[in-house]
C-alpha atoms as a PDB file:
ATOM      1  CA  MET A   1      14.491  -1.907 -18.811  1.00  0.00           C
ATOM      2  CA  ILE A   2      17.335  -0.681 -20.489  1.00  0.00           C
ATOM      3  CA  VAL A   3      15.773   0.814 -23.592  1.00  0.00           C
ATOM      4  CA  ALA A   4      13.304   2.756 -20.957  1.00  0.00           C
ATOM      5  CA  ILE A   5      16.164   4.202 -19.362  1.00  0.00           C
ATOM      6  CA  GLY A   6      17.503   5.684 -22.930  1.00  0.00           C
ATOM      7  CA  VAL A   7      14.415   7.232 -23.682  1.00  0.00           C
ATOM      8  CA  GLY A   8      12.903  10.547 -22.742  1.00  0.00           C
ATOM      9  CA  ALA A   9      13.452  14.248 -23.742  1.00  0.00           C
ATOM     10  CA  VAL A  10      17.184  13.383 -24.001  1.00  0.00           C
ATOM     11  CA  ASN A  11      17.604  10.042 -26.430  1.00  0.00           C
ATOM     12  CA  VAL A  12      20.894   8.112 -25.263  1.00  0.00           C
ATOM     13  CA  PRO A  13      22.082   5.608 -27.001  1.00  0.00           C
ATOM     14  CA  VAL A  14      21.246   1.961 -25.574  1.00  0.00           C
ATOM     15  CA  GLY A  15      24.678   1.148 -25.351  1.00  0.00           C
ATOM     16  CA  ASP A  16      25.610   4.297 -23.760  1.00  0.00           C
ATOM     17  CA  VAL A  17      23.103   3.549 -21.114  1.00  0.00           C
ATOM     18  CA  TRP A  18      24.444  -0.453 -20.532  1.00  0.00           C
ATOM     19  CA  HIS A  19      27.885   1.437 -20.088  1.00  0.00           C
ATOM     20  CA  ILE A  20      26.348   4.483 -17.444  1.00  0.00           C
ATOM     21  CA  VAL A  21      24.643   1.460 -15.694  1.00  0.00           C
ATOM     22  CA  VAL A  22      27.084  -1.208 -15.808  1.00  0.00           C
ATOM     23  CA  HIS A  23      29.873   1.002 -14.121  1.00  0.00           C
ATOM     24  CA  HIS A  24      27.747   2.513 -11.716  1.00  0.00           C
ATOM     25  CA  VAL A  25      26.561  -0.960 -10.236  1.00  0.00           C
ATOM     26  CA  THR A  26      29.857  -3.072 -10.826  1.00  0.00           C
ATOM     27  CA  GLY A  27      32.103  -0.151 -10.499  1.00  0.00           C
ATOM     28  CA  SER A  28      34.125  -1.351 -13.631  1.00  0.00           C
ATOM     29  CA  GLY A  29      34.741   0.165 -17.220  1.00  0.00           C
ATOM     30  CA  THR A  30      35.897   4.033 -17.154  1.00  0.00           C
ATOM     31  CA  ALA A  31      33.680   6.672 -15.948  1.00  0.00           C
ATOM     32  CA  PRO A  32      30.934   7.993 -18.305  1.00  0.00           C
ATOM     33  CA  ALA A  33      32.505  10.508 -20.576  1.00  0.00           C
ATOM     34  CA  ASP A  34      29.676  13.111 -20.361  1.00  0.00           C
ATOM     35  CA  PRO A  35      28.804  13.824 -16.820  1.00  0.00           C
ATOM     36  CA  ALA A  36      25.363  15.328 -18.094  1.00  0.00           C
ATOM     37  CA  LEU A  37      24.204  11.871 -19.669  1.00  0.00           C
ATOM     38  CA  ASP A  38      25.511   9.908 -16.539  1.00  0.00           C
ATOM     39  CA  GLN A  39      23.036  12.185 -14.475  1.00  0.00           C
ATOM     40  CA  ILE A  40      20.348  11.715 -16.549  1.00  0.00           C
ATOM     41  CA  VAL A  41      20.693   8.366 -16.983  1.00  0.00           C
ATOM     42  CA  TRP A  42      21.803   7.190 -13.709  1.00  0.00           C
ATOM     43  CA  ASN A  43      19.990   9.544 -10.899  1.00  0.00           C
ATOM     44  CA  PHE A  44      16.592  10.888 -12.819  1.00  0.00           C
ATOM     45  CA  ARG A  45      16.002   7.635 -15.493  1.00  0.00           C
ATOM     46  CA  ALA A  46      17.153   4.810 -13.782  1.00  0.00           C
ATOM     47  CA  PRO A  47      15.768   4.884 -10.226  1.00  0.00           C
ATOM     48  CA  ARG A  48      12.026   5.364 -11.891  1.00  0.00           C
ATOM     49  CA  VAL A  49      12.394   2.826 -14.244  1.00  0.00           C
ATOM     50  CA  VAL A  50      13.048   0.577 -11.473  1.00  0.00           C
ATOM     51  CA  LEU A  51      10.602   1.740  -9.117  1.00  0.00           C
ATOM     52  CA  ALA A  52       8.132   1.143 -12.255  1.00  0.00           C
ATOM     53  CA  ALA A  53       9.438  -2.404 -12.695  1.00  0.00           C
ATOM     54  CA  LEU A  54       8.899  -3.208  -8.295  1.00  0.00           C
ATOM     55  CA  ALA A  55       6.017  -1.063  -8.420  1.00  0.00           C
ATOM     56  CA  GLY A  56       3.983  -3.276 -11.186  1.00  0.00           C
ATOM     57  CA  ALA A  57       5.719  -6.387  -9.610  1.00  0.00           C
ATOM     58  CA  GLY A  58       4.096  -5.818  -6.490  1.00  0.00           C
ATOM     59  CA  LEU A  59       0.623  -4.763  -7.770  1.00  0.00           C
ATOM     60  CA  ALA A  60       0.439  -7.722  -9.901  1.00  0.00           C
ATOM     61  CA  VAL A  61       1.356 -10.564  -7.218  1.00  0.00           C
ATOM     62  CA  SER A  62      -1.075  -8.670  -4.597  1.00  0.00           C
ATOM     63  CA  GLY A  63      -3.353  -9.381  -7.099  1.00  0.00           C
ATOM     64  CA  ALA A  64      -2.662 -12.375  -7.742  1.00  0.00           C
ATOM     65  CA  VAL A  65      -3.044 -13.853  -4.200  1.00  0.00           C
ATOM     66  CA  LEU A  66      -5.849 -11.242  -3.446  1.00  0.00           C
ATOM     67  CA  GLN A  67      -8.137 -13.291  -6.382  1.00  0.00           C
ATOM     68  CA  SER A  68      -7.048 -16.767  -5.324  1.00  0.00           C
ATOM     69  CA  ALA A  69      -7.876 -15.657  -1.151  1.00  0.00           C
ATOM     70  CA  VAL A  70     -10.996 -14.083  -1.408  1.00  0.00           C
ATOM     71  CA  SER A  71     -12.153 -16.634  -4.330  1.00  0.00           C
ATOM     72  CA  ASN A  72     -13.240 -13.796  -6.969  1.00  0.00           C
ATOM     73  CA  PRO A  73     -11.512 -12.968 -10.337  1.00  0.00           C
ATOM     74  CA  LEU A  74     -12.184  -9.271  -9.954  1.00  0.00           C
ATOM     75  CA  ALA A  75     -10.529  -8.771  -7.018  1.00  0.00           C
ATOM     76  CA  ASP A  76      -7.684  -6.167  -7.093  1.00  0.00           C
ATOM     77  CA  PRO A  77      -6.151  -4.035  -4.023  1.00  0.00           C
ATOM     78  CA  THR A  78      -8.832  -1.499  -5.237  1.00  0.00           C
ATOM     79  CA  VAL A  79     -11.938  -3.629  -4.747  1.00  0.00           C
ATOM     80  CA  LEU A  80     -10.414  -4.551  -1.208  1.00  0.00           C
ATOM     81  CA  GLY A  81      -9.990  -0.742  -0.163  1.00  0.00           C
ATOM     82  CA  PHE A  82      -5.835  -1.068  -0.163  1.00  0.00           C
ATOM     83  CA  SER A  83      -5.476   2.139  -2.473  1.00  0.00           C
ATOM     84  CA  TYR A  84      -8.396   4.196  -1.605  1.00  0.00           C
ATOM     85  CA  GLY A  85      -6.852   3.786   2.341  1.00  0.00           C
ATOM     86  CA  ALA A  86      -3.477   4.730   1.033  1.00  0.00           C
ATOM     87  CA  THR A  87      -4.696   7.662  -1.165  1.00  0.00           C
ATOM     88  CA  LEU A  88      -6.659   8.948   2.182  1.00  0.00           C
ATOM     89  CA  GLY A  89      -3.200   9.088   4.056  1.00  0.00           C
ATOM     90  CA  ALA A  90      -1.270  10.314   1.249  1.00  0.00           C
ATOM     91  CA  VAL A  91      -3.611  13.625   0.831  1.00  0.00           C
ATOM     92  CA  LEU A  92      -3.735  14.329   4.338  1.00  0.00           C
ATOM     93  CA  ALA A  93      -0.015  14.393   4.670  1.00  0.00           C
ATOM     94  CA  ILE A  94       0.095  16.480   1.549  1.00  0.00           C
ATOM     95  CA  THR A  95      -2.884  19.136   2.944  1.00  0.00           C
ATOM     96  CA  LEU A  96      -1.860  18.850   6.520  1.00  0.00           C
ATOM     97  CA  GLY A  97       1.408  19.516   5.922  1.00  0.00           C
ATOM     98  CA  GLY A  98       3.561  21.503   8.943  1.00  0.00           C
ATOM     99  CA  SER A  99       1.067  19.348  11.273  1.00  0.00           C
ATOM    100  CA  VAL A 100       1.763  15.986   9.338  1.00  0.00           C
ATOM    101  CA  ALA A 101       5.785  16.850   9.034  1.00  0.00           C
ATOM    102  CA  ALA A 102       6.012  17.531  13.029  1.00  0.00           C
ATOM    103  CA  ALA A 103       4.665  14.107  13.630  1.00  0.00           C
ATOM    104  CA  GLY A 104       7.524  12.885  11.665  1.00  0.00           C
ATOM    105  CA  LEU A 105       5.710  11.541   8.862  1.00  0.00           C
ATOM    106  CA  GLY A 106       6.178  11.717   5.300  1.00  0.00           C
ATOM    107  CA  VAL A 107       3.728  11.531   2.217  1.00  0.00           C
ATOM    108  CA  SER A 108       4.958   7.996   1.871  1.00  0.00           C
ATOM    109  CA  THR A 109       4.730   6.954   5.196  1.00  0.00           C
ATOM    110  CA  ALA A 110       1.259   8.313   5.692  1.00  0.00           C
ATOM    111  CA  ALA A 111      -0.016   6.008   2.843  1.00  0.00           C
ATOM    112  CA  PHE A 112       1.877   3.246   4.119  1.00  0.00           C
ATOM    113  CA  LEU A 113      -0.384   3.663   6.877  1.00  0.00           C
ATOM    114  CA  GLY A 114      -3.506   4.424   5.480  1.00  0.00           C
ATOM    115  CA  ALA A 115      -3.510   1.087   3.368  1.00  0.00           C
ATOM    116  CA  MET A 116      -3.048  -0.733   7.161  1.00  0.00           C
ATOM    117  CA  VAL A 117      -5.960   0.928   8.511  1.00  0.00           C
ATOM    118  CA  ALA A 118      -8.447   0.328   5.294  1.00  0.00           C
ATOM    119  CA  GLY A 119      -6.930  -3.401   5.277  1.00  0.00           C
ATOM    120  CA  ALA A 120      -7.735  -3.719   9.084  1.00  0.00           C
ATOM    121  CA  LEU A 121     -11.170  -2.671   8.556  1.00  0.00           C
ATOM    122  CA  VAL A 122     -11.385  -4.913   6.068  1.00  0.00           C
ATOM    123  CA  PHE A 123     -10.398  -7.749   7.770  1.00  0.00           C
ATOM    124  CA  ALA A 124     -12.229  -6.840  10.652  1.00  0.00           C
ATOM    125  CA  LEU A 125     -15.695  -6.475   8.930  1.00  0.00           C
ATOM    126  CA  GLY A 126     -15.068  -9.374   6.487  1.00  0.00           C
ATOM    127  CA  GLN A 127     -15.207 -12.008   9.549  1.00  0.00           C
ATOM    128  CA  ARG A 128     -18.109 -13.790  10.799  1.00  0.00           C
ATOM    129  CA  ARG A 129     -18.188 -15.720  13.762  1.00  0.00           C
ATOM    130  CA  GLY A 130     -14.330 -15.714  13.898  1.00  0.00           C
ATOM    131  CA  ARG A 131     -13.807 -16.824  10.413  1.00  0.00           C
ATOM    132  CA  MET A 132     -13.263 -14.803   7.283  1.00  0.00           C
ATOM    133  CA  ALA A 133     -16.037 -15.388   4.631  1.00  0.00           C
ATOM    134  CA  PRO A 134     -14.652 -14.442   1.034  1.00  0.00           C
ATOM    135  CA  THR A 135     -18.216 -12.686   0.039  1.00  0.00           C
ATOM    136  CA  ARG A 136     -18.087 -10.545   2.984  1.00  0.00           C
ATOM    137  CA  LEU A 137     -14.090  -9.487   2.647  1.00  0.00           C
ATOM    138  CA  VAL A 138     -15.059  -8.382  -0.723  1.00  0.00           C
ATOM    139  CA  LEU A 139     -18.148  -6.635   0.197  1.00  0.00           C
ATOM    140  CA  ALA A 140     -16.052  -4.822   3.370  1.00  0.00           C
ATOM    141  CA  GLY A 141     -13.503  -3.876   1.221  1.00  0.00           C
ATOM    142  CA  VAL A 142     -16.033  -1.790  -1.366  1.00  0.00           C
ATOM    143  CA  ALA A 143     -17.409  -0.057   1.355  1.00  0.00           C
ATOM    144  CA  VAL A 144     -14.589   0.742   3.216  1.00  0.00           C
ATOM    145  CA  GLY A 145     -13.069   1.993   0.077  1.00  0.00           C
ATOM    146  CA  TYR A 146     -15.891   4.374  -0.522  1.00  0.00           C
ATOM    147  CA  VAL A 147     -15.751   5.378   2.797  1.00  0.00           C
ATOM    148  CA  PHE A 148     -12.072   6.541   2.559  1.00  0.00           C
ATOM    149  CA  LEU A 149     -13.132   7.991  -1.011  1.00  0.00           C
ATOM    150  CA  SER A 150     -15.146  10.455   0.235  1.00  0.00           C
ATOM    151  CA  ALA A 151     -13.187  11.034   3.541  1.00  0.00           C
ATOM    152  CA  THR A 152     -10.524  11.962   0.240  1.00  0.00           C
ATOM    153  CA  SER A 153     -12.984  13.979  -1.452  1.00  0.00           C
ATOM    154  CA  PHE A 154     -13.737  16.064   1.692  1.00  0.00           C
ATOM    155  CA  VAL A 155     -10.031  16.672   2.501  1.00  0.00           C
ATOM    156  CA  GLN A 156      -9.509  17.731  -1.319  1.00  0.00           C
ATOM    157  CA  LEU A 157     -12.293  20.470  -1.092  1.00  0.00           C
ATOM    158  CA  HIS A 158     -10.358  21.933   1.660  1.00  0.00           C
ATOM    159  CA  ALA A 159      -6.927  21.951  -0.247  1.00  0.00           C
ATOM    160  CA  SER A 160      -5.198  25.358  -1.640  1.00  0.00           C
ATOM    161  CA  PRO A 161      -4.893  24.874  -5.727  1.00  0.00           C
ATOM    162  CA  ASN A 162      -1.117  23.892  -5.177  1.00  0.00           C
ATOM    163  CA  GLU A 163      -2.241  21.494  -2.436  1.00  0.00           C
ATOM    164  CA  LEU A 164      -4.905  20.461  -4.951  1.00  0.00           C
ATOM    165  CA  ARG A 165      -2.325  19.616  -8.219  1.00  0.00           C
ATOM    166  CA  ALA A 166       0.054  17.580  -6.439  1.00  0.00           C
ATOM    167  CA  VAL A 167      -3.085  15.075  -4.497  1.00  0.00           C
ATOM    168  CA  LEU A 168      -4.377  14.860  -8.335  1.00  0.00           C
ATOM    169  CA  PHE A 169      -1.205  13.646  -9.587  1.00  0.00           C
ATOM    170  CA  TRP A 170      -0.482  11.575  -6.910  1.00  0.00           C
ATOM    171  CA  THR A 171      -3.425   9.600  -6.643  1.00  0.00           C
ATOM    172  CA  LEU A 172      -3.276   9.033 -10.470  1.00  0.00           C
ATOM    173  CA  GLY A 173      -0.114   7.295  -9.842  1.00  0.00           C
ATOM    174  CA  SER A 174       3.701   8.344 -10.627  1.00  0.00           C
ATOM    175  CA  VAL A 175       6.984   7.151 -10.306  1.00  0.00           C
ATOM    176  CA  ALA A 176       8.458  10.807 -11.517  1.00  0.00           C
ATOM    177  CA  GLY A 177      10.086  11.673  -8.713  1.00  0.00           C
ATOM    178  CA  ALA A 178      11.779   8.081  -7.714  1.00  0.00           C
ATOM    179  CA  GLN A 179      14.984   8.542  -5.803  1.00  0.00           C
ATOM    180  CA  TRP A 180      17.483   5.616  -5.152  1.00  0.00           C
ATOM    181  CA  ASP A 181      17.252   5.883  -1.487  1.00  0.00           C
ATOM    182  CA  GLN A 182      13.385   5.129  -1.609  1.00  0.00           C
ATOM    183  CA  LEU A 183      14.471   2.133  -3.592  1.00  0.00           C
ATOM    184  CA  PRO A 184      15.658  -0.426  -1.143  1.00  0.00           C
ATOM    185  CA  THR A 185      12.549  -0.540   1.204  1.00  0.00           C
ATOM    186  CA  VAL A 186      10.267  -1.485  -1.606  1.00  0.00           C
ATOM    187  CA  ALA A 187      12.375  -4.059  -2.954  1.00  0.00           C
ATOM    188  CA  VAL A 188      13.056  -6.116  -0.136  1.00  0.00           C
ATOM    189  CA  VAL A 189       9.270  -5.702   0.326  1.00  0.00           C
ATOM    190  CA  VAL A 190       8.749  -7.269  -2.972  1.00  0.00           C
ATOM    191  CA  ILE A 191      10.974  -9.652  -3.298  1.00  0.00           C
ATOM    192  CA  ALA A 192      10.396 -11.166   0.087  1.00  0.00           C
ATOM    193  CA  THR A 193       6.796 -11.100  -0.034  1.00  0.00           C
ATOM    194  CA  THR A 194       6.838 -12.725  -3.796  1.00  0.00           C
ATOM    195  CA  VAL A 195       9.141 -15.436  -2.379  1.00  0.00           C
ATOM    196  CA  LEU A 196       7.099 -15.923   1.043  1.00  0.00           C
ATOM    197  CA  LEU A 197       4.050 -16.293  -0.942  1.00  0.00           C
ATOM    198  CA  THR A 198       5.388 -18.340  -3.274  1.00  0.00           C
ATOM    199  CA  LEU A 199       6.306 -20.939  -1.205  1.00  0.00           C
ATOM    200  CA  PHE A 200       2.422 -20.924  -0.480  1.00  0.00           C
ATOM    201  CA  GLY A 201       1.964 -21.972  -3.779  1.00  0.00           C
ATOM    202  CA  ARG A 202       0.811 -25.684  -2.784  1.00  0.00           C
ATOM    203  CA  ARG A 203      -1.727 -24.388  -0.191  1.00  0.00           C
ATOM    204  CA  LEU A 204      -2.918 -21.644  -2.753  1.00  0.00           C
ATOM    205  CA  ASN A 205      -3.869 -23.997  -5.286  1.00  0.00           C
ATOM    206  CA  VAL A 206      -5.639 -26.215  -2.743  1.00  0.00           C
ATOM    207  CA  LEU A 207      -7.207 -23.147  -1.848  1.00  0.00           C
ATOM    208  CA  LEU A 208      -8.727 -22.828  -5.474  1.00  0.00           C
ATOM    209  CA  ALA A 209     -10.568 -26.414  -4.794  1.00  0.00           C
ATOM    210  CA  GLY A 210     -13.297 -24.809  -1.893  1.00  0.00           C
ATOM    211  CA  ASP A 211     -13.027 -24.247   1.622  1.00  0.00           C
ATOM    212  CA  GLU A 212     -13.905 -27.744   2.646  1.00  0.00           C
ATOM    213  CA  SER A 213     -11.618 -29.168   0.557  1.00  0.00           C
ATOM    214  CA  ALA A 214      -8.834 -27.510   1.602  1.00  0.00           C
ATOM    215  CA  THR A 215      -9.703 -28.217   5.279  1.00  0.00           C
ATOM    216  CA  ALA A 216     -10.563 -31.647   4.258  1.00  0.00           C
ATOM    217  CA  LEU A 217      -6.662 -31.968   3.204  1.00  0.00           C
ATOM    218  CA  GLY A 218      -5.193 -30.591   6.350  1.00  0.00           C
ATOM    219  CA  VAL A 219      -5.156 -26.899   5.584  1.00  0.00           C
ATOM    220  CA  ASP A 220      -6.163 -23.908   8.150  1.00  0.00           C
ATOM    221  CA  VAL A 221      -7.831 -21.767   5.643  1.00  0.00           C
ATOM    222  CA  ASN A 222      -8.818 -19.287   7.825  1.00  0.00           C
ATOM    223  CA  ARG A 223      -5.539 -18.272   8.600  1.00  0.00           C
ATOM    224  CA  LEU A 224      -4.405 -18.582   5.343  1.00  0.00           C
ATOM    225  CA  ARG A 225      -6.320 -16.472   4.017  1.00  0.00           C
ATOM    226  CA  LEU A 226      -5.383 -13.898   6.899  1.00  0.00           C
ATOM    227  CA  VAL A 227      -1.674 -14.617   6.591  1.00  0.00           C
ATOM    228  CA  LEU A 228      -2.586 -13.845   2.452  1.00  0.00           C
ATOM    229  CA  LEU A 229      -4.663 -10.655   3.299  1.00  0.00           C
ATOM    230  CA  VAL A 230      -1.864  -9.646   5.474  1.00  0.00           C
ATOM    231  CA  LEU A 231       0.848 -10.111   2.808  1.00  0.00           C
ATOM    232  CA  SER A 232      -1.241  -8.582  -0.022  1.00  0.00           C
ATOM    233  CA  ALA A 233      -1.854  -5.521   2.203  1.00  0.00           C
ATOM    234  CA  LEU A 234       1.592  -5.101   3.358  1.00  0.00           C
ATOM    235  CA  LEU A 235       3.123  -5.257  -0.595  1.00  0.00           C
ATOM    236  CA  THR A 236       0.288  -3.141  -1.964  1.00  0.00           C
ATOM    237  CA  GLY A 237       0.551  -0.136   1.017  1.00  0.00           C
ATOM    238  CA  THR A 238       4.507  -0.201   0.202  1.00  0.00           C
ATOM    239  CA  VAL A 239       4.329   0.024  -3.399  1.00  0.00           C
ATOM    240  CA  ILE A 240       1.116   2.751  -3.492  1.00  0.00           C
ATOM    241  CA  ALA A 241       3.175   4.723  -0.568  1.00  0.00           C
ATOM    242  CA  VAL A 242       5.880   5.559  -2.900  1.00  0.00           C
ATOM    243  CA  ALA A 243       4.133   5.386  -6.864  1.00  0.00           C
ATOM    244  CA  GLY A 244       0.878   6.630  -5.673  1.00  0.00           C
ATOM    245  CA  GLY A 245      -2.747   5.096  -7.214  1.00  0.00           C
ATOM    246  CA  ILE A 246      -2.485   2.958  -9.843  1.00  0.00           C
ATOM    247  CA  GLY A 247      -5.415   0.681 -10.821  1.00  0.00           C
ATOM    248  CA  PHE A 248      -5.854  -2.321 -12.724  1.00  0.00           C
ATOM    249  CA  VAL A 249      -2.332  -3.728 -12.891  1.00  0.00           C
ATOM    250  CA  GLY A 250      -3.562  -6.359  -9.523  1.00  0.00           C
ATOM    251  CA  LEU A 251      -6.520  -7.085 -11.782  1.00  0.00           C
ATOM    252  CA  MET A 252      -5.321  -7.770 -15.396  1.00  0.00           C
ATOM    253  CA  ILE A 253      -1.559  -9.266 -15.263  1.00  0.00           C
ATOM    254  CA  PRO A 254      -2.698 -12.180 -12.992  1.00  0.00           C
ATOM    255  CA  HIS A 255      -5.316 -13.280 -15.894  1.00  0.00           C
ATOM    256  CA  LEU A 256      -2.534 -12.669 -18.469  1.00  0.00           C
ATOM    257  CA  VAL A 257      -0.410 -15.146 -17.120  1.00  0.00           C
ATOM    258  CA  ARG A 258      -3.480 -17.353 -16.326  1.00  0.00           C
ATOM    259  CA  LEU A 259      -4.579 -17.504 -19.493  1.00  0.00           C
ATOM    260  CA  SER A 260      -0.810 -18.942 -20.701  1.00  0.00           C
ATOM    261  CA  THR A 261       0.486 -21.008 -17.907  1.00  0.00           C
ATOM    262  CA  GLY A 262      -2.378 -21.901 -16.158  1.00  0.00           C
ATOM    263  CA  ALA A 263      -2.954 -21.527 -11.930  1.00  0.00           C
ATOM    264  CA  ASP A 264      -0.643 -23.012 -10.355  1.00  0.00           C
ATOM    265  CA  HIS A 265       0.697 -20.521  -8.154  1.00  0.00           C
ATOM    266  CA  ARG A 266       4.580 -21.748  -8.129  1.00  0.00           C
ATOM    267  CA  ARG A 267       4.228 -20.779 -11.732  1.00  0.00           C
ATOM    268  CA  LEU A 268       1.962 -18.297 -11.345  1.00  0.00           C
ATOM    269  CA  LEU A 269       3.335 -15.726  -8.788  1.00  0.00           C
ATOM    270  CA  PRO A 270       6.787 -15.424 -10.286  1.00  0.00           C
ATOM    271  CA  LEU A 271       5.225 -15.156 -13.407  1.00  0.00           C
ATOM    272  CA  THR A 272       3.177 -12.451 -12.635  1.00  0.00           C
ATOM    273  CA  ALA A 273       5.674 -10.355 -10.829  1.00  0.00           C
ATOM    274  CA  LEU A 274       7.829 -10.225 -13.952  1.00  0.00           C
ATOM    275  CA  LEU A 275       5.043  -9.599 -16.201  1.00  0.00           C
ATOM    276  CA  GLY A 276       3.634  -6.908 -14.091  1.00  0.00           C
ATOM    277  CA  ALA A 277       7.366  -5.673 -13.794  1.00  0.00           C
ATOM    278  CA  VAL A 278       7.645  -5.572 -17.338  1.00  0.00           C
ATOM    279  CA  TYR A 279       4.085  -3.759 -18.087  1.00  0.00           C
ATOM    280  CA  LEU A 280       4.487  -0.684 -15.805  1.00  0.00           C
ATOM    281  CA  VAL A 281       7.843  -0.226 -17.161  1.00  0.00           C
ATOM    282  CA  LEU A 282       6.286  -0.020 -20.601  1.00  0.00           C
ATOM    283  CA  VAL A 283       3.193   2.028 -19.681  1.00  0.00           C
ATOM    284  CA  ASP A 284       6.098   4.435 -17.499  1.00  0.00           C
ATOM    285  CA  LEU A 285       7.857   4.536 -20.905  1.00  0.00           C
ATOM    286  CA  LEU A 286       4.335   6.038 -22.714  1.00  0.00           C
ATOM    287  CA  SER A 287       3.494   8.147 -20.215  1.00  0.00           C
ATOM    288  CA  ARG A 288       6.991  10.053 -21.091  1.00  0.00           C
ATOM    289  CA  THR A 289       6.676   9.942 -24.645  1.00  0.00           C
ATOM    290  CA  LEU A 290       3.181  10.453 -25.573  1.00  0.00           C
ATOM    291  CA  ASP A 291       2.633  14.006 -25.248  1.00  0.00           C
ATOM    292  CA  ARG A 292       6.399  15.200 -25.001  1.00  0.00           C
ATOM    293  CA  PRO A 293       6.998  17.566 -22.855  1.00  0.00           C
ATOM    294  CA  ASN A 294       4.009  16.645 -20.704  1.00  0.00           C
ATOM    295  CA  GLU A 295       4.003  13.618 -18.373  1.00  0.00           C
ATOM    296  CA  LEU A 296       0.603  11.668 -17.980  1.00  0.00           C
ATOM    297  CA  PRO A 297       0.378   9.865 -14.700  1.00  0.00           C
ATOM    298  CA  LEU A 298       0.492   6.257 -15.049  1.00  0.00           C
ATOM    299  CA  GLY A 299      -3.043   5.727 -13.951  1.00  0.00           C
ATOM    300  CA  ILE A 300      -5.107   7.351 -16.713  1.00  0.00           C
ATOM    301  CA  LEU A 301      -3.354   5.000 -19.004  1.00  0.00           C
ATOM    302  CA  THR A 302      -3.424   1.939 -16.880  1.00  0.00           C
ATOM    303  CA  ALA A 303      -7.160   2.569 -17.164  1.00  0.00           C
ATOM    304  CA  LEU A 304      -7.439   2.810 -20.494  1.00  0.00           C
ATOM    305  CA  LEU A 305      -5.697  -0.342 -21.312  1.00  0.00           C
ATOM    306  CA  GLY A 306      -7.215  -2.085 -18.244  1.00  0.00           C
ATOM    307  CA  ALA A 307     -10.908  -1.064 -18.588  1.00  0.00           C
ATOM    308  CA  PRO A 308     -11.452  -2.754 -22.115  1.00  0.00           C
ATOM    309  CA  PHE A 309      -9.107  -5.915 -20.164  1.00  0.00           C
ATOM    310  CA  PHE A 310     -12.173  -5.858 -17.798  1.00  0.00           C
ATOM    311  CA  LEU A 311     -14.744  -5.790 -20.384  1.00  0.00           C
ATOM    312  CA  TRP A 312     -13.085  -8.783 -22.561  1.00  0.00           C
ATOM    313  CA  LEU A 313     -12.770 -10.688 -19.127  1.00  0.00           C
ATOM    314  CA  LEU A 314     -16.404 -10.100 -17.729  1.00  0.00           C
ATOM    315  CA  ARG A 315     -17.491 -11.464 -21.714  1.00  0.00           C
ATOM    316  CA  ARG A 316     -14.888 -14.473 -21.752  1.00  0.00           C
ATOM    317  CA  ASN A 317     -15.764 -15.761 -18.036  1.00  0.00           C
ATOM    318  CA  LYS A 318     -18.882 -17.733 -17.983  1.00  0.00           C
ATOM    319  CA  ALA A 319     -18.617 -18.255 -14.473  1.00  0.00           C
ATOM    320  CA  MET A 320     -19.756 -14.820 -13.623  1.00  0.00           C
ATOM    321  CA  ASP A 321     -23.190 -15.499 -15.504  1.00  0.00           C
END
């Protein structure tokens, strides 16, 4: 993160970055000699790098939990429709503008509400006789996602060129506009939810053995799955509300961690959060440096990296044959 903060249109030495960050965080040491560097490091780059780390951690943990909750190794927030719901909410906020602002909703709030609505629909449609069926949940997520995607496309057709540019950049994901006042809520949700889900680690491990085995061991499978899905929707909605639609993080990172540490969720979830944070910080660094002075949306790079991994996973996993 320190290296990522120092790299950009104006490169800042790592030592200067460390000095500025420590000064602002702890209040110790002398003030930076160059106010311009202090402005670049602390007000422009540090918030975006921290947000990238939080978004990567949140999306990765959400993907890991969803894959266990619905017993599908290809599940992630996009497959279950959460991302599409958030996208529709944000697009409506951007295109309606004054009407949404009059209702007291910003783009982030609208995106969060969209993710929650999509999650509620998936939960309702994924139940059969009062119980959540993993296959129905995935199918419901795909169907709800396409409905929201169609609605988003319809809204875009009526958007002005300026609105369309903002919509396109937001839907592909970006942390470029991150500000410090956005981070406390995201940090609390990501950290608290990750800790809470880690406490469910033993139950998640039991869930991997199948519903019948989990029930025999005293786990209320339906209630557990509902809690996991609600927490995942909360996590995804919060992240997408501030960082936009970033795909493949929730699919790729949990599998990379499983390959190296196994499927014990007590280790899997914290390590997934850490690797997800590192991964998206590096992706954000690439987005700023590959095509200077232009900046690439994060979703383009995560798709370029994630799609080949997805195909490799299909070939490697014999259970999908």
